[in-house]
Amino acid sequence: MKKLDRSRNGLEKYRDLLISKRSELTSSLRAKLETLAAPDNAAPEDLAPVYHDQYVTVQLNHFDSMQLKMVDSALDRMDGGKYGLCTDCGESISGKRLEAIPWAVRCVSCQERRIPARESPQWVELVA
């Protein structure tokens, strides 16, 4: 396993990945707000698909908001000198894992112990 370069320069690529993801998430959240706008002068029988779309948007916003909190938390850990350290065992998180999921808080071993086998891969990535 390749050790994480914890120098300021070594962390810059992860900071760039996190800032890029943060920008992507905030743009996505802004765009989804338009879907939540109430339709003007719509007949009640036409509102079911609108309400469904709004429900789906709220769920996606929740997912994006949780991920945005994790990205912000990773940036805070970076500023505090704790970025790249597993919150469970204290060992370094591999650079390969951080390239894939820059907001990861656990090494692969600790994360695998926490996620039941039945969980979907999308949820695993979010909670990583």
Protein backbone atom coordinates (compact mmCIF):
# COMPACT_ATOMS: atom_id res chain seq x y z
CA MET A 1 0.00 0.00 0.00
CA LYS A 2 1.39 3.36 -1.02
CA LYS A 3 1.80 5.77 1.90
CA LEU A 4 0.01 9.09 1.75
CA ASP A 5 2.31 12.08 1.26
CA ARG A 6 1.10 14.24 4.14
CA SER A 7 3.19 17.27 3.20
CA ARG A 8 1.38 20.45 2.20
CA ASN A 9 2.23 19.84 -1.48
CA GLY A 10 1.22 16.18 -1.24
CA LEU A 11 -2.23 17.11 0.05
CA GLU A 12 -2.92 19.75 -2.59
CA LYS A 13 -4.23 17.24 -5.16
CA TYR A 14 -6.72 15.96 -2.56
CA ARG A 15 -7.71 19.52 -1.68
CA ASP A 16 -8.32 20.16 -5.38
CA LEU A 17 -10.46 16.99 -5.62
CA LEU A 18 -12.47 18.05 -2.56
CA ILE A 19 -12.98 21.60 -3.78
CA SER A 20 -14.06 20.30 -7.18
CA LYS A 21 -16.56 17.92 -5.54
CA ARG A 22 -17.81 20.72 -3.30
CA SER A 23 -18.43 22.93 -6.33
CA GLU A 24 -20.21 20.09 -8.14
CA LEU A 25 -22.47 19.43 -5.15
CA THR A 26 -23.38 23.08 -4.55
CA SER A 27 -24.20 23.52 -8.25
CA SER A 28 -26.34 20.39 -8.16
CA LEU A 29 -28.20 21.58 -5.08
CA ARG A 30 -28.89 24.97 -6.67
CA ALA A 31 -30.15 23.38 -9.88
CA LYS A 32 -32.49 21.06 -8.00
CA LEU A 33 -34.15 23.99 -6.24
CA GLU A 34 -35.87 24.89 -9.51
CA THR A 35 -37.65 21.53 -9.45
CA LEU A 36 -39.14 22.42 -6.07
CA ALA A 37 -40.85 25.55 -7.38
CA ALA A 38 -44.62 25.21 -7.34
CA PRO A 39 -46.30 25.17 -10.76
CA ASP A 40 -48.48 28.16 -11.58
CA ASN A 41 -52.14 27.59 -12.45
CA ALA A 42 -51.86 23.80 -12.70
CA ALA A 43 -54.98 21.70 -12.49
CA PRO A 44 -55.07 19.47 -9.38
CA GLU A 45 -55.10 16.31 -11.51
CA ASP A 46 -51.84 17.42 -13.14
CA LEU A 47 -49.99 17.85 -9.85
CA ALA A 48 -49.25 14.17 -9.07
CA PRO A 49 -46.18 13.97 -11.34
CA VAL A 50 -45.03 17.36 -10.08
CA TYR A 51 -45.26 16.22 -6.46
CA HIS A 52 -43.44 13.01 -7.32
CA ASP A 53 -40.61 14.96 -8.95
CA GLN A 54 -40.45 17.23 -5.91
CA TYR A 55 -40.24 14.21 -3.58
CA VAL A 56 -37.40 12.69 -5.62
CA THR A 57 -35.61 16.04 -5.64
CA VAL A 58 -35.87 16.37 -1.87
CA GLN A 59 -34.37 12.89 -1.45
CA LEU A 60 -31.51 13.71 -3.84
CA ASN A 61 -30.92 17.02 -2.08
CA HIS A 62 -30.64 15.17 1.22
CA PHE A 63 -28.07 12.79 -0.28
CA ASP A 64 -26.08 15.68 -1.79
CA SER A 65 -26.28 17.67 1.46
CA MET A 66 -24.88 14.74 3.47
CA GLN A 67 -22.07 14.33 0.96
CA LEU A 68 -21.35 18.07 1.05
CA LYS A 69 -21.02 17.89 4.85
CA MET A 70 -18.51 15.06 4.47
CA VAL A 71 -16.51 17.06 1.92
CA ASP A 72 -16.49 20.10 4.22
CA SER A 73 -15.45 17.89 7.12
CA ALA A 74 -12.57 16.49 5.04
CA LEU A 75 -11.40 20.03 4.24
CA ASP A 76 -11.56 20.86 7.97
CA ARG A 77 -9.51 17.75 8.80
CA MET A 78 -7.00 18.81 6.18
CA ASP A 79 -6.68 22.25 7.77
CA GLY A 80 -6.33 20.61 11.19
CA GLY A 81 -3.63 18.18 10.08
CA LYS A 82 -5.76 15.07 10.51
CA TYR A 83 -6.67 14.43 6.87
CA GLY A 84 -5.85 10.96 5.62
CA LEU A 85 -5.91 9.33 9.05
CA CYS A 86 -8.50 6.64 9.80
CA THR A 87 -10.90 7.80 12.50
CA ASP A 88 -11.21 4.24 13.84
CA CYS A 89 -7.66 2.87 13.95
CA GLY A 90 -5.55 6.02 13.44
CA GLU A 91 -3.56 4.50 10.56
CA SER A 92 -3.05 6.32 7.26
CA ILE A 93 -5.76 5.92 4.63
CA SER A 94 -4.19 4.82 1.35
CA GLY A 95 -3.65 7.43 -1.33
CA LYS A 96 -5.50 5.19 -3.79
CA ARG A 97 -8.60 5.23 -1.56
CA LEU A 98 -8.41 9.00 -1.11
CA GLU A 99 -8.11 9.49 -4.86
CA ALA A 100 -11.33 7.51 -5.29
CA ILE A 101 -13.16 8.95 -2.26
CA PRO A 102 -11.30 12.04 -1.05
CA TRP A 103 -13.73 12.56 1.86
CA ALA A 104 -13.14 9.05 3.26
CA VAL A 105 -12.76 8.96 7.04
CA ARG A 106 -11.76 5.31 7.40
CA CYS A 107 -9.22 2.97 5.87
CA VAL A 108 -10.60 0.13 3.75
CA SER A 109 -10.25 -2.44 6.55
CA CYS A 110 -12.16 -0.38 9.10
CA GLN A 111 -14.82 0.63 6.57
CA GLU A 112 -15.41 -3.00 5.56
CA ARG A 113 -15.98 -3.91 9.22
CA ARG A 114 -18.62 -1.17 9.55
CA ILE A 115 -20.70 -1.81 6.42
CA PRO A 116 -22.92 -4.90 6.37
CA ALA A 117 -22.60 -7.00 3.21
CA ARG A 118 -26.20 -6.24 2.23
CA GLU A 119 -25.63 -2.49 1.83
CA SER A 120 -25.68 -1.11 -1.70
CA PRO A 121 -22.39 0.14 -3.24
CA GLN A 122 -23.81 3.66 -3.66
CA TRP A 123 -24.51 3.94 0.07
CA VAL A 124 -21.07 2.55 0.88
CA GLU A 125 -19.44 5.28 -1.19
CA LEU A 126 -21.49 7.96 0.55
CA VAL A 127 -20.64 6.84 4.06
CA ALA A 128 -17.02 6.17 3.26
